[in-house]
Amino acid sequence: MQEQIFVHGYFERNKGILTGFVIFSIMSGTSYMLWSFLFEQASGFAGGTADTSIQQLCLSAGLCLLYFVVSQQLMFYFQRRLLKQINTQLKQDVFHALMKKGVAKFTEKNSAVYLSVLNNDVTNLENNYFAKIPEILQNGFVFLTCAGVLCYYDVRIVCLVILTALLPVAVPFLIGEKLSQKTKALYEELENYNRKLKDWLGGFEVIHSFQVEDEVKNRFAKSAEEVEKRRYEGRRYQNPYGILTLLLTYLILSIQLV
């Protein structure tokens, strides 16, 4: 496809929804800070060191719960709206780009290639880019809020948390390029699979006429096996780093508890 589609432009085209998501993500992050102060208040009440009645404590807990639920619901609402708009616009833009191609240019490739782009590639963008950005923003606001709460208690704890949090972040940078290559190989194989599948289903009558069903079944089995082999290779490469990330997480928790 010759026409370039810049994925970051979809966030610019949905500024209003993105702004709503950011606002309620910040509110969701501050709700964790409120819970922290509530637990501190409850701890003081239990130890008899806080000048708080049980009625005030229950009211504070109710308000914190309401604030948390509302901010979470609205954040996820705007996240769903954002992904819905972006995915619809992306599919439309890709399809419009296809329609702009000349007949000669269009017929250079099997139509299964275009089906693969509209299905596999668009889904890949959604799962690995568009759906991840809101999660990163949300987690970032939560992290900043929690860091602010920790600063209230001890700045040294914040420094330790930031230092240890950098370790898991480094893992994606180690595997990113190689994993992208394996993902690309998978989608190329899916493209071949879709092209062959379209040809086999389109020639259904011919296959039965020449009684070559067994041959087609064997070829289909080989093609399906190649697709799953590519998928297996990607997972096999990814799993050890998943174990490493989990070990680093447990290490970080142990350090922070100490």
C-alpha atoms as a PDB file:
ATOM      1  CA  MET A   1       0.000   0.000   0.000  1.00  0.00           C
ATOM      2  CA  GLN A   2       1.553   3.207  -1.195  1.00  0.00           C
ATOM      3  CA  GLU A   3      -0.477   5.714   0.825  1.00  0.00           C
ATOM      4  CA  GLN A   4       0.977   6.239   4.279  1.00  0.00           C
ATOM      5  CA  ILE A   5      -1.278   6.183   7.309  1.00  0.00           C
ATOM      6  CA  PHE A   6       0.251   7.723  10.432  1.00  0.00           C
ATOM      7  CA  VAL A   7      -1.158   5.947  13.454  1.00  0.00           C
ATOM      8  CA  HIS A   8      -0.435   8.770  15.909  1.00  0.00           C
ATOM      9  CA  GLY A   9      -2.717  10.999  13.860  1.00  0.00           C
ATOM     10  CA  TYR A  10      -5.749   9.076  15.110  1.00  0.00           C
ATOM     11  CA  PHE A  11      -5.205  10.406  18.609  1.00  0.00           C
ATOM     12  CA  GLU A  12      -5.177  13.942  17.201  1.00  0.00           C
ATOM     13  CA  ARG A  13      -8.439  13.266  15.347  1.00  0.00           C
ATOM     14  CA  ASN A  14     -10.084  12.217  18.616  1.00  0.00           C
ATOM     15  CA  LYS A  15      -8.763  14.931  20.918  1.00  0.00           C
ATOM     16  CA  GLY A  16     -12.061  15.401  22.747  1.00  0.00           C
ATOM     17  CA  ILE A  17     -12.434  11.746  23.719  1.00  0.00           C
ATOM     18  CA  LEU A  18      -8.713  11.503  24.530  1.00  0.00           C
ATOM     19  CA  THR A  19      -8.985  14.577  26.777  1.00  0.00           C
ATOM     20  CA  GLY A  20     -11.878  12.980  28.652  1.00  0.00           C
ATOM     21  CA  PHE A  21      -9.869   9.797  29.084  1.00  0.00           C
ATOM     22  CA  VAL A  22      -6.848  11.720  30.419  1.00  0.00           C
ATOM     23  CA  ILE A  23      -8.965  13.726  32.878  1.00  0.00           C
ATOM     24  CA  PHE A  24     -10.644  10.672  34.363  1.00  0.00           C
ATOM     25  CA  SER A  25      -7.367   8.730  34.345  1.00  0.00           C
ATOM     26  CA  ILE A  26      -5.921  11.466  36.547  1.00  0.00           C
ATOM     27  CA  MET A  27      -8.986  11.274  38.779  1.00  0.00           C
ATOM     28  CA  SER A  28      -8.627   7.488  38.918  1.00  0.00           C
ATOM     29  CA  GLY A  29      -4.993   7.913  39.926  1.00  0.00           C
ATOM     30  CA  THR A  30      -5.868  10.350  42.714  1.00  0.00           C
ATOM     31  CA  SER A  31      -8.405   7.840  44.060  1.00  0.00           C
ATOM     32  CA  TYR A  32      -5.492   5.609  45.069  1.00  0.00           C
ATOM     33  CA  MET A  33      -4.059   8.520  47.042  1.00  0.00           C
ATOM     34  CA  LEU A  34      -7.390   8.976  48.815  1.00  0.00           C
ATOM     35  CA  TRP A  35      -7.464   5.278  49.727  1.00  0.00           C
ATOM     36  CA  SER A  36      -3.983   5.627  51.209  1.00  0.00           C
ATOM     37  CA  PHE A  37      -5.024   8.513  53.454  1.00  0.00           C
ATOM     38  CA  LEU A  38      -8.225   6.658  54.373  1.00  0.00           C
ATOM     39  CA  PHE A  39      -6.259   3.592  55.466  1.00  0.00           C
ATOM     40  CA  GLU A  40      -3.941   5.826  57.482  1.00  0.00           C
ATOM     41  CA  GLN A  41      -6.971   7.383  59.148  1.00  0.00           C
ATOM     42  CA  ALA A  42      -8.451   3.942  59.857  1.00  0.00           C
ATOM     43  CA  SER A  43      -5.142   2.765  61.301  1.00  0.00           C
ATOM     44  CA  GLY A  44      -5.033   5.783  63.595  1.00  0.00           C
ATOM     45  CA  PHE A  45      -8.630   5.187  64.656  1.00  0.00           C
ATOM     46  CA  ALA A  46      -7.873   1.531  65.470  1.00  0.00           C
ATOM     47  CA  GLY A  47      -4.807   2.551  67.487  1.00  0.00           C
ATOM     48  CA  GLY A  48      -6.628   5.356  69.262  1.00  0.00           C
ATOM     49  CA  THR A  49      -4.246   8.031  67.950  1.00  0.00           C
ATOM     50  CA  ALA A  50      -6.672   9.730  65.537  1.00  0.00           C
ATOM     51  CA  ASP A  51      -9.376  12.161  66.594  1.00  0.00           C
ATOM     52  CA  THR A  52     -11.985  10.587  64.261  1.00  0.00           C
ATOM     53  CA  SER A  53     -15.395   9.104  64.989  1.00  0.00           C
ATOM     54  CA  ILE A  54     -16.672   5.908  63.426  1.00  0.00           C
ATOM     55  CA  GLN A  55     -19.333   7.944  61.611  1.00  0.00           C
ATOM     56  CA  GLN A  56     -16.718  10.214  60.021  1.00  0.00           C
ATOM     57  CA  LEU A  57     -14.624   7.214  59.043  1.00  0.00           C
ATOM     58  CA  CYS A  58     -17.597   5.457  57.388  1.00  0.00           C
ATOM     59  CA  LEU A  59     -18.551   8.655  55.552  1.00  0.00           C
ATOM     60  CA  SER A  60     -14.995   9.075  54.275  1.00  0.00           C
ATOM     61  CA  ALA A  61     -14.901   5.434  53.153  1.00  0.00           C
ATOM     62  CA  GLY A  62     -18.230   5.838  51.336  1.00  0.00           C
ATOM     63  CA  LEU A  63     -17.081   9.003  49.551  1.00  0.00           C
ATOM     64  CA  CYS A  64     -13.768   7.380  48.575  1.00  0.00           C
ATOM     65  CA  LEU A  65     -15.588   4.328  47.211  1.00  0.00           C
ATOM     66  CA  LEU A  66     -18.019   6.505  45.231  1.00  0.00           C
ATOM     67  CA  TYR A  67     -15.192   8.636  43.833  1.00  0.00           C
ATOM     68  CA  PHE A  68     -13.195   5.527  42.899  1.00  0.00           C
ATOM     69  CA  VAL A  69     -16.098   3.751  41.158  1.00  0.00           C
ATOM     70  CA  VAL A  70     -17.267   6.841  39.232  1.00  0.00           C
ATOM     71  CA  SER A  71     -13.772   7.812  38.068  1.00  0.00           C
ATOM     72  CA  GLN A  72     -12.999   4.224  37.027  1.00  0.00           C
ATOM     73  CA  GLN A  73     -16.281   3.812  35.128  1.00  0.00           C
ATOM     74  CA  LEU A  74     -15.879   7.116  33.268  1.00  0.00           C
ATOM     75  CA  MET A  75     -12.230   6.367  32.474  1.00  0.00           C
ATOM     76  CA  PHE A  76     -13.111   2.991  30.939  1.00  0.00           C
ATOM     77  CA  TYR A  77     -16.064   4.561  29.115  1.00  0.00           C
ATOM     78  CA  PHE A  78     -13.796   7.071  27.369  1.00  0.00           C
ATOM     79  CA  GLN A  79     -11.240   4.313  26.703  1.00  0.00           C
ATOM     80  CA  ARG A  80     -13.897   2.197  24.966  1.00  0.00           C
ATOM     81  CA  ARG A  81     -15.108   5.208  22.962  1.00  0.00           C
ATOM     82  CA  LEU A  82     -11.560   6.071  21.950  1.00  0.00           C
ATOM     83  CA  LEU A  83     -10.722   2.557  20.726  1.00  0.00           C
ATOM     84  CA  LYS A  84     -14.070   2.273  18.925  1.00  0.00           C
ATOM     85  CA  GLN A  85     -13.523   5.553  17.062  1.00  0.00           C
ATOM     86  CA  ILE A  86      -9.903   4.825  16.184  1.00  0.00           C
ATOM     87  CA  ASN A  87     -10.589   1.285  14.951  1.00  0.00           C
ATOM     88  CA  THR A  88     -13.499   2.452  12.794  1.00  0.00           C
ATOM     89  CA  GLN A  89     -11.480   5.316  11.310  1.00  0.00           C
ATOM     90  CA  LEU A  90      -8.478   3.082  10.670  1.00  0.00           C
ATOM     91  CA  LYS A  91     -10.534   0.480   8.803  1.00  0.00           C
ATOM     92  CA  GLN A  92     -12.213   3.210   6.752  1.00  0.00           C
ATOM     93  CA  ASP A  93      -8.893   4.851   5.859  1.00  0.00           C
ATOM     94  CA  VAL A  94      -7.327   1.546   4.799  1.00  0.00           C
ATOM     95  CA  PHE A  95     -10.375   0.666   2.698  1.00  0.00           C
ATOM     96  CA  HIS A  96     -10.451   4.127   1.091  1.00  0.00           C
ATOM     97  CA  ALA A  97      -6.753   3.779   0.265  1.00  0.00           C
ATOM     98  CA  LEU A  98      -7.535   0.469  -1.456  1.00  0.00           C
ATOM     99  CA  MET A  99     -10.342   2.055  -3.465  1.00  0.00           C
ATOM    100  CA  LYS A 100      -7.964   4.739  -4.753  1.00  0.00           C
ATOM    101  CA  LYS A 101      -5.723   2.147  -6.390  1.00  0.00           C
ATOM    102  CA  GLY A 102      -6.060   1.702 -10.127  1.00  0.00           C
ATOM    103  CA  VAL A 103      -7.461  -1.523 -11.540  1.00  0.00           C
ATOM    104  CA  ALA A 104      -4.089  -2.615 -12.917  1.00  0.00           C
ATOM    105  CA  LYS A 105      -2.336  -1.856  -9.641  1.00  0.00           C
ATOM    106  CA  PHE A 106      -5.052  -3.526  -7.602  1.00  0.00           C
ATOM    107  CA  THR A 107      -4.943  -6.776  -9.558  1.00  0.00           C
ATOM    108  CA  GLU A 108      -1.161  -7.106  -9.156  1.00  0.00           C
ATOM    109  CA  LYS A 109      -1.812  -8.780  -5.810  1.00  0.00           C
ATOM    110  CA  ASN A 110      -4.223 -11.452  -4.744  1.00  0.00           C
ATOM    111  CA  SER A 111      -7.274 -10.014  -2.982  1.00  0.00           C
ATOM    112  CA  ALA A 112      -6.414 -12.183   0.024  1.00  0.00           C
ATOM    113  CA  VAL A 113      -3.493  -9.812   0.657  1.00  0.00           C
ATOM    114  CA  TYR A 114      -5.914  -6.917   1.081  1.00  0.00           C
ATOM    115  CA  LEU A 115      -8.170  -9.035   3.292  1.00  0.00           C
ATOM    116  CA  SER A 116      -5.150  -9.810   5.450  1.00  0.00           C
ATOM    117  CA  VAL A 117      -4.353  -6.094   5.750  1.00  0.00           C
ATOM    118  CA  LEU A 118      -7.931  -5.210   6.716  1.00  0.00           C
ATOM    119  CA  ASN A 119      -8.147  -8.032   9.265  1.00  0.00           C
ATOM    120  CA  ASN A 120      -4.760  -9.154  10.580  1.00  0.00           C
ATOM    121  CA  ASP A 121      -2.745  -5.943  10.279  1.00  0.00           C
ATOM    122  CA  VAL A 122      -5.503  -3.711  11.647  1.00  0.00           C
ATOM    123  CA  THR A 123      -6.032  -6.095  14.579  1.00  0.00           C
ATOM    124  CA  ASN A 124      -2.287  -6.104  15.209  1.00  0.00           C
ATOM    125  CA  LEU A 125      -2.278  -2.284  15.374  1.00  0.00           C
ATOM    126  CA  GLU A 126      -5.212  -2.305  17.764  1.00  0.00           C
ATOM    127  CA  ASN A 127      -3.714  -4.879  20.149  1.00  0.00           C
ATOM    128  CA  ASN A 128      -0.094  -3.720  20.087  1.00  0.00           C
ATOM    129  CA  TYR A 129      -0.461   0.049  19.772  1.00  0.00           C
ATOM    130  CA  PHE A 130      -3.857   1.691  20.179  1.00  0.00           C
ATOM    131  CA  ALA A 131      -4.963  -0.454  23.138  1.00  0.00           C
ATOM    132  CA  LYS A 132      -1.568  -0.086  24.844  1.00  0.00           C
ATOM    133  CA  ILE A 133      -1.339   3.732  24.790  1.00  0.00           C
ATOM    134  CA  PRO A 134      -4.374   4.259  27.102  1.00  0.00           C
ATOM    135  CA  GLU A 135      -3.009   1.592  29.453  1.00  0.00           C
ATOM    136  CA  ILE A 136       0.373   3.330  29.555  1.00  0.00           C
ATOM    137  CA  LEU A 137      -1.275   6.695  30.288  1.00  0.00           C
ATOM    138  CA  GLN A 138      -3.456   5.192  32.998  1.00  0.00           C
ATOM    139  CA  ASN A 139      -0.572   3.369  34.697  1.00  0.00           C
ATOM    140  CA  GLY A 140       1.597   6.468  34.380  1.00  0.00           C
ATOM    141  CA  PHE A 141      -0.914   8.631  36.245  1.00  0.00           C
ATOM    142  CA  VAL A 142      -1.344   5.968  38.923  1.00  0.00           C
ATOM    143  CA  PHE A 143       2.439   5.721  39.308  1.00  0.00           C
ATOM    144  CA  LEU A 144       2.845   9.499  39.636  1.00  0.00           C
ATOM    145  CA  THR A 145       0.048   9.697  42.191  1.00  0.00           C
ATOM    146  CA  CYS A 146       1.443   6.834  44.250  1.00  0.00           C
ATOM    147  CA  ALA A 147       4.912   8.392  44.051  1.00  0.00           C
ATOM    148  CA  GLY A 148       3.418  11.621  45.390  1.00  0.00           C
ATOM    149  CA  VAL A 149       1.864   9.747  48.320  1.00  0.00           C
ATOM    150  CA  LEU A 150       5.179   8.027  49.067  1.00  0.00           C
ATOM    151  CA  CYS A 151       6.927  11.418  49.044  1.00  0.00           C
ATOM    152  CA  TYR A 152       4.563  12.407  51.825  1.00  0.00           C
ATOM    153  CA  TYR A 153       5.964   9.566  53.926  1.00  0.00           C
ATOM    154  CA  ASP A 154       9.618   9.229  52.861  1.00  0.00           C
ATOM    155  CA  VAL A 155      11.435  10.483  49.737  1.00  0.00           C
ATOM    156  CA  ARG A 156      13.975   7.655  50.005  1.00  0.00           C
ATOM    157  CA  ILE A 157      11.201   5.112  49.406  1.00  0.00           C
ATOM    158  CA  VAL A 158      10.256   6.940  46.199  1.00  0.00           C
ATOM    159  CA  CYS A 159      13.839   6.822  44.936  1.00  0.00           C
ATOM    160  CA  LEU A 160      14.027   3.094  45.674  1.00  0.00           C
ATOM    161  CA  VAL A 161      10.699   2.388  43.947  1.00  0.00           C
ATOM    162  CA  ILE A 162      11.683   4.354  40.833  1.00  0.00           C
ATOM    163  CA  LEU A 163      15.049   2.621  40.662  1.00  0.00           C
ATOM    164  CA  THR A 164      13.590  -0.867  40.964  1.00  0.00           C
ATOM    165  CA  ALA A 165      10.707  -0.064  38.583  1.00  0.00           C
ATOM    166  CA  LEU A 166      13.197   0.680  35.814  1.00  0.00           C
ATOM    167  CA  LEU A 167      14.324  -2.957  35.720  1.00  0.00           C
ATOM    168  CA  PRO A 168      11.134  -4.487  34.210  1.00  0.00           C
ATOM    169  CA  VAL A 169      10.855  -1.535  31.818  1.00  0.00           C
ATOM    170  CA  ALA A 170      14.199  -2.510  30.306  1.00  0.00           C
ATOM    171  CA  VAL A 171      12.907  -5.956  29.268  1.00  0.00           C
ATOM    172  CA  PRO A 172      10.775  -4.771  26.285  1.00  0.00           C
ATOM    173  CA  PHE A 173      13.763  -2.861  24.928  1.00  0.00           C
ATOM    174  CA  LEU A 174      15.789  -6.081  24.971  1.00  0.00           C
ATOM    175  CA  ILE A 175      13.266  -8.127  23.001  1.00  0.00           C
ATOM    176  CA  GLY A 176      11.415  -5.468  21.013  1.00  0.00           C
ATOM    177  CA  GLU A 177      13.300  -5.634  17.705  1.00  0.00           C
ATOM    178  CA  LYS A 178      13.546  -9.437  17.568  1.00  0.00           C
ATOM    179  CA  LEU A 179       9.918  -9.842  18.613  1.00  0.00           C
ATOM    180  CA  SER A 180       8.846  -7.421  15.864  1.00  0.00           C
ATOM    181  CA  GLN A 181      10.658  -9.558  13.310  1.00  0.00           C
ATOM    182  CA  LYS A 182       8.849 -12.687  14.526  1.00  0.00           C
ATOM    183  CA  THR A 183       5.515 -10.859  14.499  1.00  0.00           C
ATOM    184  CA  LYS A 184       6.167  -9.703  10.947  1.00  0.00           C
ATOM    185  CA  ALA A 185       6.981 -13.284   9.890  1.00  0.00           C
ATOM    186  CA  LEU A 186       3.712 -14.464  11.464  1.00  0.00           C
ATOM    187  CA  TYR A 187       1.623 -11.925   9.566  1.00  0.00           C
ATOM    188  CA  GLU A 188       3.385 -12.713   6.308  1.00  0.00           C
ATOM    189  CA  GLU A 189       2.503 -16.371   6.846  1.00  0.00           C
ATOM    190  CA  LEU A 190      -1.085 -15.404   7.687  1.00  0.00           C
ATOM    191  CA  GLU A 191      -1.195 -13.476   4.423  1.00  0.00           C
ATOM    192  CA  ASN A 192      -0.086 -16.586   2.513  1.00  0.00           C
ATOM    193  CA  TYR A 193      -2.600 -18.685   4.446  1.00  0.00           C
ATOM    194  CA  ASN A 194      -5.474 -16.323   3.564  1.00  0.00           C
ATOM    195  CA  ARG A 195      -4.461 -16.279  -0.096  1.00  0.00           C
ATOM    196  CA  LYS A 196      -4.362 -20.079  -0.319  1.00  0.00           C
ATOM    197  CA  LEU A 197      -7.595 -20.448   1.616  1.00  0.00           C
ATOM    198  CA  LYS A 198      -9.358 -18.044  -0.732  1.00  0.00           C
ATOM    199  CA  ASP A 199      -8.094 -19.971  -3.762  1.00  0.00           C
ATOM    200  CA  TRP A 200      -9.168 -23.329  -2.324  1.00  0.00           C
ATOM    201  CA  LEU A 201     -12.639 -22.148  -1.365  1.00  0.00           C
ATOM    202  CA  GLY A 202     -13.042 -20.292  -4.653  1.00  0.00           C
ATOM    203  CA  GLY A 203     -12.138 -23.451  -6.566  1.00  0.00           C
ATOM    204  CA  PHE A 204     -14.382 -25.730  -4.496  1.00  0.00           C
ATOM    205  CA  GLU A 205     -16.229 -27.110  -7.545  1.00  0.00           C
ATOM    206  CA  VAL A 206     -13.007 -27.688  -9.491  1.00  0.00           C
ATOM    207  CA  ILE A 207     -11.483 -29.563  -6.542  1.00  0.00           C
ATOM    208  CA  HIS A 208     -14.460 -31.918  -6.409  1.00  0.00           C
ATOM    209  CA  SER A 209     -14.570 -32.272 -10.174  1.00  0.00           C
ATOM    210  CA  PHE A 210     -10.977 -33.508 -10.341  1.00  0.00           C
ATOM    211  CA  GLN A 211     -11.303 -35.400  -7.044  1.00  0.00           C
ATOM    212  CA  VAL A 212      -8.209 -33.850  -5.470  1.00  0.00           C
ATOM    213  CA  GLU A 213      -9.751 -33.341  -2.040  1.00  0.00           C
ATOM    214  CA  ASP A 214      -6.991 -35.306  -0.285  1.00  0.00           C
ATOM    215  CA  GLU A 215      -4.267 -33.211  -1.936  1.00  0.00           C
ATOM    216  CA  VAL A 216      -5.983 -29.967  -0.914  1.00  0.00           C
ATOM    217  CA  LYS A 217      -6.449 -31.268   2.637  1.00  0.00           C
ATOM    218  CA  ASN A 218      -2.731 -32.051   2.860  1.00  0.00           C
ATOM    219  CA  ARG A 219      -1.788 -28.609   1.556  1.00  0.00           C
ATOM    220  CA  PHE A 220      -4.204 -26.941   3.967  1.00  0.00           C
ATOM    221  CA  ALA A 221      -2.716 -28.920   6.870  1.00  0.00           C
ATOM    222  CA  LYS A 222       0.802 -27.815   5.891  1.00  0.00           C
ATOM    223  CA  SER A 223      -0.267 -24.178   5.566  1.00  0.00           C
ATOM    224  CA  ALA A 224      -2.069 -24.200   8.921  1.00  0.00           C
ATOM    225  CA  GLU A 225       0.952 -25.858  10.514  1.00  0.00           C
ATOM    226  CA  GLU A 226       3.258 -23.136   9.153  1.00  0.00           C
ATOM    227  CA  VAL A 227       1.057 -20.415  10.636  1.00  0.00           C
ATOM    228  CA  GLU A 228       1.012 -22.065  14.048  1.00  0.00           C
ATOM    229  CA  LYS A 229       4.742 -22.713  13.816  1.00  0.00           C
ATOM    230  CA  ARG A 230       5.356 -18.972  13.372  1.00  0.00           C
ATOM    231  CA  ARG A 231       3.026 -18.224  16.279  1.00  0.00           C
ATOM    232  CA  TYR A 232       4.778 -20.857  18.418  1.00  0.00           C
ATOM    233  CA  GLU A 233       8.201 -19.357  17.635  1.00  0.00           C
ATOM    234  CA  GLY A 234       7.029 -15.928  18.770  1.00  0.00           C
ATOM    235  CA  ARG A 235       5.670 -17.300  22.032  1.00  0.00           C
ATOM    236  CA  ARG A 236       8.782 -19.429  22.600  1.00  0.00           C
ATOM    237  CA  TYR A 237      10.938 -16.325  22.271  1.00  0.00           C
ATOM    238  CA  GLN A 238       8.649 -14.266  24.504  1.00  0.00           C
ATOM    239  CA  ASN A 239       8.176 -16.730  27.383  1.00  0.00           C
ATOM    240  CA  PRO A 240      11.711 -16.595  28.911  1.00  0.00           C
ATOM    241  CA  TYR A 241      11.474 -12.817  29.113  1.00  0.00           C
ATOM    242  CA  GLY A 242       8.063 -13.153  30.748  1.00  0.00           C
ATOM    243  CA  ILE A 243       9.685 -15.333  33.409  1.00  0.00           C
ATOM    244  CA  LEU A 244      12.484 -12.772  33.812  1.00  0.00           C
ATOM    245  CA  THR A 245       9.944  -9.965  34.263  1.00  0.00           C
ATOM    246  CA  LEU A 246       8.086 -11.990  36.895  1.00  0.00           C
ATOM    247  CA  LEU A 247      11.322 -12.707  38.783  1.00  0.00           C
ATOM    248  CA  LEU A 248      12.243  -9.008  38.684  1.00  0.00           C
ATOM    249  CA  THR A 249       8.792  -8.125  40.011  1.00  0.00           C
ATOM    250  CA  TYR A 250       9.193 -10.480  42.976  1.00  0.00           C
ATOM    251  CA  LEU A 251      12.706  -9.122  43.564  1.00  0.00           C
ATOM    252  CA  ILE A 252      11.391  -5.560  43.548  1.00  0.00           C
ATOM    253  CA  LEU A 253       8.651  -6.428  46.033  1.00  0.00           C
ATOM    254  CA  SER A 254      11.197  -8.105  48.310  1.00  0.00           C
ATOM    255  CA  ILE A 255      13.503  -5.081  48.196  1.00  0.00           C
ATOM    256  CA  GLN A 256      10.664  -2.671  48.888  1.00  0.00           C
ATOM    257  CA  LEU A 257       9.421  -4.738  51.839  1.00  0.00           C
ATOM    258  CA  VAL A 258      12.921  -4.721  53.334  1.00  0.00           C
END
